[in-house]
Amino acid sequence: MALDLIGWLLAGLGALLGVVVGGFFGRARGRREGRREAERDALERMHERIESGRSAVRDGRDAGDPAERLRRNDGRW
């Protein structure tokens, strides 16, 4: 009788310990995945900004006569 009770208590304690350790590792894994997703999003935004800057430079260089561009930009200073 006492050995059965000790066995049940050890099994319950093992199950509880498994839940706690599993939760800890699950939380750590979630943090890692969240960090990777944030880094990936930041990298995508950086590439989008680079491409928009390149297209702006390309459009600025093809904007026509340099003297006319200078006259248009003169008012912006």
C-alpha atoms as a PDB file:
ATOM      1  CA  MET A   1       0.000   0.000   0.000  1.00  0.00           C
ATOM      2  CA  ALA A   2       2.714   2.480   0.962  1.00  0.00           C
ATOM      3  CA  LEU A   3       4.840   1.511  -2.037  1.00  0.00           C
ATOM      4  CA  ASP A   4       1.894   2.093  -4.355  1.00  0.00           C
ATOM      5  CA  LEU A   5       1.372   5.555  -2.856  1.00  0.00           C
ATOM      6  CA  ILE A   6       5.065   6.418  -3.246  1.00  0.00           C
ATOM      7  CA  GLY A   7       4.957   5.206  -6.859  1.00  0.00           C
ATOM      8  CA  TRP A   8       1.934   7.377  -7.620  1.00  0.00           C
ATOM      9  CA  LEU A   9       3.552  10.384  -5.952  1.00  0.00           C
ATOM     10  CA  LEU A  10       6.765   9.922  -7.928  1.00  0.00           C
ATOM     11  CA  ALA A  11       4.817   9.524 -11.162  1.00  0.00           C
ATOM     12  CA  GLY A  12       2.841  12.700 -10.428  1.00  0.00           C
ATOM     13  CA  LEU A  13       5.989  14.573  -9.525  1.00  0.00           C
ATOM     14  CA  GLY A  14       7.654  13.384 -12.736  1.00  0.00           C
ATOM     15  CA  ALA A  15       4.670  14.515 -14.796  1.00  0.00           C
ATOM     16  CA  LEU A  16       4.646  17.914 -13.099  1.00  0.00           C
ATOM     17  CA  LEU A  17       8.381  18.298 -13.646  1.00  0.00           C
ATOM     18  CA  GLY A  18       7.922  17.360 -17.310  1.00  0.00           C
ATOM     19  CA  VAL A  19       5.273  20.051 -17.741  1.00  0.00           C
ATOM     20  CA  VAL A  20       7.462  22.707 -16.114  1.00  0.00           C
ATOM     21  CA  VAL A  21      10.578  21.801 -18.127  1.00  0.00           C
ATOM     22  CA  GLY A  22       8.528  21.549 -21.338  1.00  0.00           C
ATOM     23  CA  GLY A  23       7.039  24.993 -20.715  1.00  0.00           C
ATOM     24  CA  PHE A  24      10.476  26.445 -20.125  1.00  0.00           C
ATOM     25  CA  PHE A  25      11.876  25.016 -23.362  1.00  0.00           C
ATOM     26  CA  GLY A  26       8.729  25.984 -25.275  1.00  0.00           C
ATOM     27  CA  ARG A  27       9.024  29.581 -24.104  1.00  0.00           C
ATOM     28  CA  ALA A  28      12.715  29.703 -25.043  1.00  0.00           C
ATOM     29  CA  ARG A  29      11.926  28.319 -28.488  1.00  0.00           C
ATOM     30  CA  GLY A  30       9.159  30.893 -28.976  1.00  0.00           C
ATOM     31  CA  ARG A  31      11.514  33.710 -28.064  1.00  0.00           C
ATOM     32  CA  ARG A  32      14.116  32.465 -30.543  1.00  0.00           C
ATOM     33  CA  GLU A  33      11.537  32.207 -33.315  1.00  0.00           C
ATOM     34  CA  GLY A  34      10.200  35.666 -32.511  1.00  0.00           C
ATOM     35  CA  ARG A  35      13.696  37.115 -32.621  1.00  0.00           C
ATOM     36  CA  ARG A  36      14.404  35.447 -35.963  1.00  0.00           C
ATOM     37  CA  GLU A  37      11.125  36.736 -37.381  1.00  0.00           C
ATOM     38  CA  ALA A  38      11.915  40.274 -36.229  1.00  0.00           C
ATOM     39  CA  GLU A  39      15.372  40.092 -37.800  1.00  0.00           C
ATOM     40  CA  ARG A  40      13.890  38.779 -41.043  1.00  0.00           C
ATOM     41  CA  ASP A  41      11.299  41.575 -41.114  1.00  0.00           C
ATOM     42  CA  ALA A  42      13.969  44.196 -40.458  1.00  0.00           C
ATOM     43  CA  LEU A  43      16.083  42.774 -43.277  1.00  0.00           C
ATOM     44  CA  GLU A  44      13.115  42.881 -45.678  1.00  0.00           C
ATOM     45  CA  ARG A  45      12.346  46.496 -44.719  1.00  0.00           C
ATOM     46  CA  MET A  46      16.003  47.422 -45.231  1.00  0.00           C
ATOM     47  CA  HIS A  47      15.972  45.886 -48.708  1.00  0.00           C
ATOM     48  CA  GLU A  48      12.757  47.748 -49.544  1.00  0.00           C
ATOM     49  CA  ARG A  49      14.320  51.049 -48.419  1.00  0.00           C
ATOM     50  CA  ILE A  50      17.455  50.353 -50.464  1.00  0.00           C
ATOM     51  CA  GLU A  51      15.403  49.610 -53.573  1.00  0.00           C
ATOM     52  CA  SER A  52      13.248  52.713 -53.127  1.00  0.00           C
ATOM     53  CA  GLY A  53      16.402  54.808 -52.723  1.00  0.00           C
ATOM     54  CA  ARG A  54      17.903  53.295 -55.834  1.00  0.00           C
ATOM     55  CA  SER A  55      14.767  54.004 -57.834  1.00  0.00           C
ATOM     56  CA  ALA A  56      14.710  57.592 -56.519  1.00  0.00           C
ATOM     57  CA  VAL A  57      18.310  58.091 -57.608  1.00  0.00           C
ATOM     58  CA  ARG A  58      17.554  56.517 -60.960  1.00  0.00           C
ATOM     59  CA  ASP A  59      14.511  58.771 -61.442  1.00  0.00           C
ATOM     60  CA  GLY A  60      16.480  61.825 -60.337  1.00  0.00           C
ATOM     61  CA  ARG A  61      19.259  61.177 -62.826  1.00  0.00           C
ATOM     62  CA  ASP A  62      16.815  60.676 -65.654  1.00  0.00           C
ATOM     63  CA  ALA A  63      14.791  63.779 -64.794  1.00  0.00           C
ATOM     64  CA  GLY A  64      15.891  65.694 -67.845  1.00  0.00           C
ATOM     65  CA  ASP A  65      18.167  68.648 -68.397  1.00  0.00           C
ATOM     66  CA  PRO A  66      20.615  69.247 -65.499  1.00  0.00           C
ATOM     67  CA  ALA A  67      20.100  73.002 -65.697  1.00  0.00           C
ATOM     68  CA  GLU A  68      16.332  72.544 -65.347  1.00  0.00           C
ATOM     69  CA  ARG A  69      16.830  70.218 -62.360  1.00  0.00           C
ATOM     70  CA  LEU A  70      19.028  72.853 -60.746  1.00  0.00           C
ATOM     71  CA  ARG A  71      16.325  75.519 -61.233  1.00  0.00           C
ATOM     72  CA  ARG A  72      13.678  73.217 -59.700  1.00  0.00           C
ATOM     73  CA  ASN A  73      15.882  72.314 -56.741  1.00  0.00           C
ATOM     74  CA  ASP A  74      16.936  75.927 -56.141  1.00  0.00           C
ATOM     75  CA  GLY A  75      13.641  76.706 -54.424  1.00  0.00           C
ATOM     76  CA  ARG A  76      13.979  73.704 -52.102  1.00  0.00           C
ATOM     77  CA  TRP A  77      17.129  75.072 -50.509  1.00  0.00           C
END
